[in-house]
């Protein structure tokens, strides 16, 4: 299966304002198959000879081009044909560069590795549910199971809300968690974002609540699409930390996913690619057996324009940040 929430236009629309661009989909139909590619096209705020240029980025999360029809033996020829057609699109639309976040479950980077400059970014965590009689026993660490038992014994309760029609309570809890953790700006989603989640993606939302003596002490917002559950955002109250609400949220979602015949829960990865990353180690407690690999892809379509843009903002085209001309430190153009 190569369908997922991240390939839905309604999901991409959530990030148009954040990325300051517009969602587009390039559909390539060929006698050997079909390739679909959803991305956000962003105007570069620097003109060269009075011409506007653009770059492409996949929406926050995972995505990239994917083969939706075709035989395995024809893949390489289909990809080569796609590359030529998409290259023409990029030239015609003044695209300078492209940044792709490939999908670690679907592993579509493997089909397009001859196309992009690929970089392994980090491992991501999954809780496997399919064909496993007891995922809690098989996938969870002993310490996490102990914390869950302790919280439940103390009186923590949970409930799962499928297709919620309001996220007010979740927003309050989530914002307080972000402030407590001094989270990066990118994680502060505004009111409009949450309303768009309800309006455009309500059929794919599942909220989990953990409560103690009638008070909600933890909540998670999750995407459910086909075989997959993606943990999107989570909030907990610090003063109830000893009751393990974050663990019980995971437990309740795993039980619900198993009951509803889902294949896996995807947790994402850590804040870095390091194996001692604290967030990675926390998530690893719920998927101790088989990590997934997350790759990013980079492509420069117009080398001349790329170098000129870098020159305008006084940064080396070989900088680690990609695209280099969008480096945060470089936004003071030089005369």
Protein backbone atom coordinates (compact mmCIF):
# COMPACT_ATOMS: atom_id res chain seq x y z
CA UNK A 1 0.00 0.00 0.00
CA UNK A 2 1.43 3.38 -0.98
CA UNK A 3 -1.49 5.58 0.05
CA UNK A 4 -1.38 7.68 3.20
CA UNK A 5 -2.64 10.91 4.76
CA UNK A 6 0.51 12.75 3.66
CA UNK A 7 -0.46 12.33 0.00
CA UNK A 8 -3.85 14.01 0.44
CA UNK A 9 -4.23 17.56 -0.89
CA UNK A 10 -6.23 18.54 2.19
CA UNK A 11 -3.23 17.63 4.32
CA UNK A 12 -0.87 19.67 2.13
CA UNK A 13 -3.21 22.66 2.37
CA UNK A 14 -2.48 22.76 6.12
CA UNK A 15 1.08 23.83 5.36
CA UNK A 16 0.64 26.29 2.51
CA UNK A 17 0.70 29.28 4.84
CA UNK A 18 3.53 27.87 6.95
CA UNK A 19 5.67 27.25 3.86
CA UNK A 20 4.42 30.42 2.15
CA UNK A 21 3.48 28.54 -1.00
CA UNK A 22 0.74 26.74 -2.90
CA UNK A 23 0.01 23.02 -3.08
CA UNK A 24 0.33 21.42 -6.50
CA UNK A 25 0.30 17.83 -7.73
CA UNK A 26 2.25 16.55 -10.71
CA UNK A 27 0.65 13.42 -12.17
CA UNK A 28 2.73 11.55 -14.73
CA UNK A 29 0.84 9.02 -16.85
CA UNK A 30 2.87 6.68 -19.02
CA UNK A 31 2.30 3.39 -20.83
CA UNK A 32 4.42 1.73 -18.09
CA UNK A 33 2.52 3.21 -15.15
CA UNK A 34 1.60 6.30 -13.15
CA UNK A 35 3.65 8.48 -10.79
CA UNK A 36 2.00 11.02 -8.48
CA UNK A 37 3.86 13.78 -6.66
CA UNK A 38 2.31 16.25 -4.21
CA UNK A 39 4.38 19.28 -3.17
CA UNK A 40 4.23 22.93 -2.18
CA UNK A 41 5.51 25.43 -4.73
CA UNK A 42 7.10 28.42 -2.99
CA UNK A 43 8.06 31.77 -4.47
CA UNK A 44 11.67 32.69 -3.75
CA UNK A 45 11.64 36.25 -2.33
CA UNK A 46 14.55 37.33 -4.52
CA UNK A 47 14.19 38.20 -8.18
CA UNK A 48 16.96 37.67 -10.71
CA UNK A 49 16.77 40.08 -13.67
CA UNK A 50 13.18 40.86 -12.64
CA UNK A 51 12.18 37.21 -12.97
CA UNK A 52 10.40 35.33 -10.20
CA UNK A 53 11.79 31.90 -9.32
CA UNK A 54 10.37 29.09 -7.20
CA UNK A 55 11.43 26.08 -5.19
CA UNK A 56 9.53 22.96 -4.13
CA UNK A 57 9.15 21.28 -0.75
CA UNK A 58 7.06 18.35 0.45
CA UNK A 59 4.64 19.29 3.25
CA UNK A 60 5.70 18.80 6.88
CA UNK A 61 5.83 15.10 7.58
CA UNK A 62 6.58 12.70 4.75
CA UNK A 63 5.86 12.45 1.06
CA UNK A 64 7.67 12.60 -2.26
CA UNK A 65 6.93 11.10 -5.66
CA UNK A 66 5.49 7.61 -5.64
CA UNK A 67 4.61 4.99 -8.20
CA UNK A 68 0.87 4.24 -7.96
CA UNK A 69 0.56 2.03 -11.04
CA UNK A 70 3.05 -0.16 -12.87
CA UNK A 71 4.97 -3.41 -12.77
CA UNK A 72 8.09 -3.85 -10.64
CA UNK A 73 10.21 -4.82 -13.67
CA UNK A 74 9.32 -1.51 -15.35
CA UNK A 75 10.10 0.74 -12.40
CA UNK A 76 13.45 2.10 -13.52
CA UNK A 77 12.26 2.92 -17.02
CA UNK A 78 9.14 4.58 -15.60
CA UNK A 79 11.23 6.64 -13.16
CA UNK A 80 13.54 7.74 -15.98
CA UNK A 81 10.56 8.88 -18.04
CA UNK A 82 9.13 10.69 -15.01
CA UNK A 83 12.44 12.42 -14.41
CA UNK A 84 12.48 13.79 -17.93
CA UNK A 85 8.86 14.98 -17.79
CA UNK A 86 9.23 16.52 -14.34
CA UNK A 87 12.46 18.21 -15.40
CA UNK A 88 10.56 19.89 -18.22
CA UNK A 89 7.90 21.02 -15.75
CA UNK A 90 10.58 22.52 -13.49
CA UNK A 91 12.26 24.36 -16.35
CA UNK A 92 8.96 25.71 -17.67
CA UNK A 93 7.94 26.89 -14.19
CA UNK A 94 11.30 28.43 -13.20
CA UNK A 95 11.94 25.92 -10.40
CA UNK A 96 15.41 26.32 -8.91
CA UNK A 97 15.54 23.52 -6.34
CA UNK A 98 13.53 20.81 -4.65
CA UNK A 99 13.55 19.38 -1.11
CA UNK A 100 11.83 16.02 -0.49
CA UNK A 101 10.93 14.33 2.79
CA UNK A 102 10.51 10.71 1.75
CA UNK A 103 8.06 8.34 3.44
CA UNK A 104 9.79 5.89 5.83
CA UNK A 105 6.95 3.35 5.73
CA UNK A 106 6.41 3.32 1.97
CA UNK A 107 10.18 3.69 1.36
CA UNK A 108 9.63 5.51 -1.93
CA UNK A 109 13.21 6.82 -1.76
CA UNK A 110 14.31 3.43 -3.08
CA UNK A 111 12.47 3.94 -6.37
CA UNK A 112 13.90 7.44 -6.87
CA UNK A 113 17.43 7.08 -5.52
CA UNK A 114 18.93 7.66 -8.99
CA UNK A 115 16.94 10.88 -9.23
CA UNK A 116 17.85 12.72 -6.00
CA UNK A 117 20.83 13.37 -3.78
CA UNK A 118 19.66 11.20 -0.88
CA UNK A 119 20.64 11.63 2.75
CA UNK A 120 19.69 9.33 5.62
CA UNK A 121 18.23 11.66 8.24
CA UNK A 122 17.19 9.50 11.18
CA UNK A 123 15.42 6.36 12.29
CA UNK A 124 11.70 6.55 13.02
CA UNK A 125 9.72 4.30 15.34
CA UNK A 126 6.77 2.03 14.65
CA UNK A 127 4.54 -0.05 16.89
CA UNK A 128 3.67 -3.08 14.80
CA UNK A 129 0.08 -4.25 15.21
CA UNK A 130 -0.63 -6.64 12.35
CA UNK A 131 0.03 -10.35 12.85
CA UNK A 132 1.16 -9.75 16.45
CA UNK A 133 -1.17 -11.26 19.08
CA UNK A 134 -0.10 -8.87 21.85
CA UNK A 135 1.68 -5.71 20.61
CA UNK A 136 1.97 -4.34 24.13
CA UNK A 137 4.01 -7.35 25.21
CA UNK A 138 5.99 -7.66 21.98
CA UNK A 139 6.64 -4.02 21.10
CA UNK A 140 6.70 -2.17 24.42
CA UNK A 141 9.65 -2.07 26.79
CA UNK A 142 9.27 -3.63 30.23
CA UNK A 143 9.58 -0.21 31.91
CA UNK A 144 6.79 1.28 29.79
CA UNK A 145 4.47 -1.62 30.61
CA UNK A 146 5.25 -1.11 34.28
CA UNK A 147 4.46 2.62 34.06
CA UNK A 148 1.16 1.89 32.30
CA UNK A 149 0.13 -0.61 34.99
CA UNK A 150 1.04 1.89 37.70
CA UNK A 151 -1.03 4.67 36.13
CA UNK A 152 -4.05 2.48 35.53
CA UNK A 153 -3.88 1.07 39.06
CA UNK A 154 -3.80 4.61 40.45
CA UNK A 155 -7.06 5.36 38.67
CA UNK A 156 -6.11 6.90 35.33
CA UNK A 157 -8.79 6.30 32.71
CA UNK A 158 -8.69 6.70 28.94
CA UNK A 159 -11.01 7.09 26.01
CA UNK A 160 -10.59 7.25 22.24
CA UNK A 161 -12.62 9.75 20.21
CA UNK A 162 -12.92 8.90 16.51
CA UNK A 163 -13.73 11.82 14.16
CA UNK A 164 -13.71 14.59 16.82
CA UNK A 165 -15.65 17.74 15.89
CA UNK A 166 -13.84 20.09 18.28
CA UNK A 167 -10.19 20.44 19.34
CA UNK A 168 -10.50 23.25 21.90
CA UNK A 169 -9.48 21.13 24.90
CA UNK A 170 -6.63 19.58 22.99
CA UNK A 171 -5.28 22.96 21.87
CA UNK A 172 -5.11 24.29 25.43
CA UNK A 173 -3.25 21.23 26.67
CA UNK A 174 -0.95 21.18 23.66
CA UNK A 175 0.00 24.86 23.93
CA UNK A 176 0.82 24.50 27.63
CA UNK A 177 3.07 21.54 26.80
CA UNK A 178 4.87 23.49 24.07
CA UNK A 179 5.49 26.40 26.46
CA UNK A 180 6.79 24.08 29.16
CA UNK A 181 9.22 22.46 26.73
CA UNK A 182 10.25 25.74 25.07
CA UNK A 183 9.44 24.12 21.73
CA UNK A 184 10.61 25.50 18.40
CA UNK A 185 8.32 27.93 16.61
CA UNK A 186 7.47 25.41 13.88
CA UNK A 187 5.52 23.34 16.45
CA UNK A 188 3.23 26.23 17.50
CA UNK A 189 0.29 25.60 15.21
CA UNK A 190 -2.31 28.37 15.27
CA UNK A 191 -6.10 28.31 15.62
CA UNK A 192 -6.55 28.27 11.84
CA UNK A 193 -4.40 25.15 11.57
CA UNK A 194 -6.54 23.19 14.02
CA UNK A 195 -9.77 24.35 12.42
CA UNK A 196 -8.48 23.23 9.02
CA UNK A 197 -7.69 19.84 10.56
CA UNK A 198 -11.32 19.53 11.59
CA UNK A 199 -12.78 20.90 8.36
CA UNK A 200 -10.54 19.12 5.85
CA UNK A 201 -9.28 16.04 7.66
CA UNK A 202 -11.94 15.31 10.26
CA UNK A 203 -12.59 11.84 8.84
CA UNK A 204 -8.95 10.92 9.53
CA UNK A 205 -8.60 12.28 13.06
CA UNK A 206 -8.57 10.30 16.29
CA UNK A 207 -8.10 11.94 19.70
CA UNK A 208 -7.03 10.00 22.78
CA UNK A 209 -7.66 11.32 26.30
CA UNK A 210 -6.17 10.25 29.62
CA UNK A 211 -8.02 11.49 32.71
CA UNK A 212 -7.66 11.27 36.47
CA UNK A 213 -10.57 11.90 38.85
CA UNK A 214 -12.51 13.54 36.06
CA UNK A 215 -9.68 15.86 34.97
CA UNK A 216 -8.06 15.43 31.55
CA UNK A 217 -4.30 15.11 32.13
CA UNK A 218 -3.13 14.08 28.67
CA UNK A 219 -4.33 14.12 25.06
CA UNK A 220 -2.98 13.11 21.68
CA UNK A 221 -4.09 14.07 18.17
CA UNK A 222 -3.55 11.35 15.61
CA UNK A 223 -4.07 10.76 11.90
CA UNK A 224 -5.62 7.46 10.82
CA UNK A 225 -5.55 6.56 7.14
CA UNK A 226 -5.90 3.10 5.67
CA UNK A 227 -3.55 0.73 7.48
CA UNK A 228 -1.57 3.41 9.28
CA UNK A 229 -1.90 5.51 12.43
CA UNK A 230 0.38 8.53 12.76
CA UNK A 231 0.86 10.17 16.15
CA UNK A 232 0.75 13.84 15.28
CA UNK A 233 0.68 16.00 18.44
CA UNK A 234 0.61 15.22 22.17
CA UNK A 235 0.09 17.24 25.33
CA UNK A 236 0.24 16.29 29.02
CA UNK A 237 0.05 18.08 32.37
CA UNK A 238 3.42 18.14 34.13
CA UNK A 239 1.92 17.94 37.63
CA UNK A 240 0.50 14.47 36.82
CA UNK A 241 3.73 13.11 35.39
CA UNK A 242 3.94 10.37 38.03
CA UNK A 243 0.69 8.90 36.68
CA UNK A 244 2.32 8.29 33.26
CA UNK A 245 -0.36 9.91 31.06
CA UNK A 246 1.96 9.92 28.01
CA UNK A 247 2.36 6.15 28.33
CA UNK A 248 -1.34 5.51 28.79
CA UNK A 249 -2.12 7.58 25.68
CA UNK A 250 0.14 5.26 23.70
CA UNK A 251 -1.41 2.18 25.28
CA UNK A 252 -4.98 3.26 24.52
CA UNK A 253 -4.12 4.06 20.89
CA UNK A 254 -2.41 0.70 20.41
CA UNK A 255 -5.45 -1.14 21.78
CA UNK A 256 -7.75 0.87 19.51
CA UNK A 257 -5.52 0.30 16.50
CA UNK A 258 -5.40 -3.44 17.11
CA UNK A 259 -9.18 -3.61 17.50
CA UNK A 260 -9.63 -1.71 14.25
CA UNK A 261 -7.22 -3.91 12.27
CA UNK A 262 -4.56 -1.27 11.67
CA UNK A 263 -1.14 -2.38 10.52
CA UNK A 264 1.07 -0.10 12.58
CA UNK A 265 1.40 3.11 14.60
CA UNK A 266 4.07 5.48 13.34
CA UNK A 267 5.68 7.69 15.99
CA UNK A 268 8.22 9.60 13.91
CA UNK A 269 11.77 9.99 15.16
CA UNK A 270 13.85 12.08 17.52
CA UNK A 271 14.82 15.72 17.24
CA UNK A 272 18.18 14.64 15.86
CA UNK A 273 19.55 11.56 14.15
CA UNK A 274 21.57 10.52 17.20
CA UNK A 275 20.76 7.20 18.83
CA UNK A 276 20.95 8.79 22.28
CA UNK A 277 18.40 11.48 21.35
CA UNK A 278 15.97 11.70 24.28
CA UNK A 279 12.83 11.89 22.16
CA UNK A 280 13.97 8.94 20.05
CA UNK A 281 14.65 6.88 23.18
CA UNK A 282 11.21 7.74 24.57
CA UNK A 283 9.47 6.64 21.36
CA UNK A 284 11.65 3.55 21.20
CA UNK A 285 9.91 2.30 24.34
CA UNK A 286 6.84 1.64 22.16
CA UNK A 287 8.60 0.05 19.20
CA UNK A 288 11.67 -1.80 20.34
CA UNK A 289 11.95 -4.27 17.45
CA UNK A 290 12.18 -2.70 14.01
CA UNK A 291 13.02 0.93 13.19
CA UNK A 292 12.19 2.59 9.89
CA UNK A 293 14.59 4.70 7.84
CA UNK A 294 13.79 8.32 7.01
CA UNK A 295 15.56 9.85 4.00
CA UNK A 296 15.51 13.33 2.54
CA UNK A 297 16.19 14.15 -1.10
CA UNK A 298 17.72 17.26 -2.67
CA UNK A 299 17.68 18.35 -6.26
CA UNK A 300 18.98 21.48 -7.99
CA UNK A 301 17.21 22.08 -11.28
CA UNK A 302 18.81 25.41 -12.19
CA UNK A 303 22.44 25.58 -11.07
CA UNK A 304 23.02 29.06 -12.52
CA UNK A 305 20.07 30.59 -10.67
CA UNK A 306 20.94 28.65 -7.50
CA UNK A 307 24.45 30.10 -7.40
CA UNK A 308 23.19 33.59 -8.22
CA UNK A 309 20.65 33.45 -5.37
CA UNK A 310 23.37 32.31 -2.98
CA UNK A 311 25.58 35.17 -4.12
CA UNK A 312 22.80 37.69 -3.47
CA UNK A 313 22.48 36.58 0.16
CA UNK A 314 26.22 36.08 0.60
CA UNK A 315 26.33 32.38 1.36
CA UNK A 316 28.21 29.48 -0.18
CA UNK A 317 26.18 27.22 -2.49
CA UNK A 318 27.84 24.31 -0.66
CA UNK A 319 26.39 25.26 2.74
CA UNK A 320 24.83 22.42 4.75
CA UNK A 321 21.43 24.13 4.79
CA UNK A 322 19.32 23.40 1.71
CA UNK A 323 18.49 25.33 -0.26
CA UNK A 324 21.44 27.44 0.86
CA UNK A 325 19.85 30.70 -0.23
CA UNK A 326 17.05 30.13 2.29
CA UNK A 327 19.42 29.75 5.22
CA UNK A 328 18.04 31.74 8.17
CA UNK A 329 21.40 33.43 8.65
CA UNK A 330 21.54 34.58 5.06
CA UNK A 331 18.45 36.78 4.80
CA UNK A 332 20.35 40.09 4.67
CA UNK A 333 21.08 40.65 0.98
CA UNK A 334 24.37 42.33 0.13
CA UNK A 335 24.61 45.12 -2.39
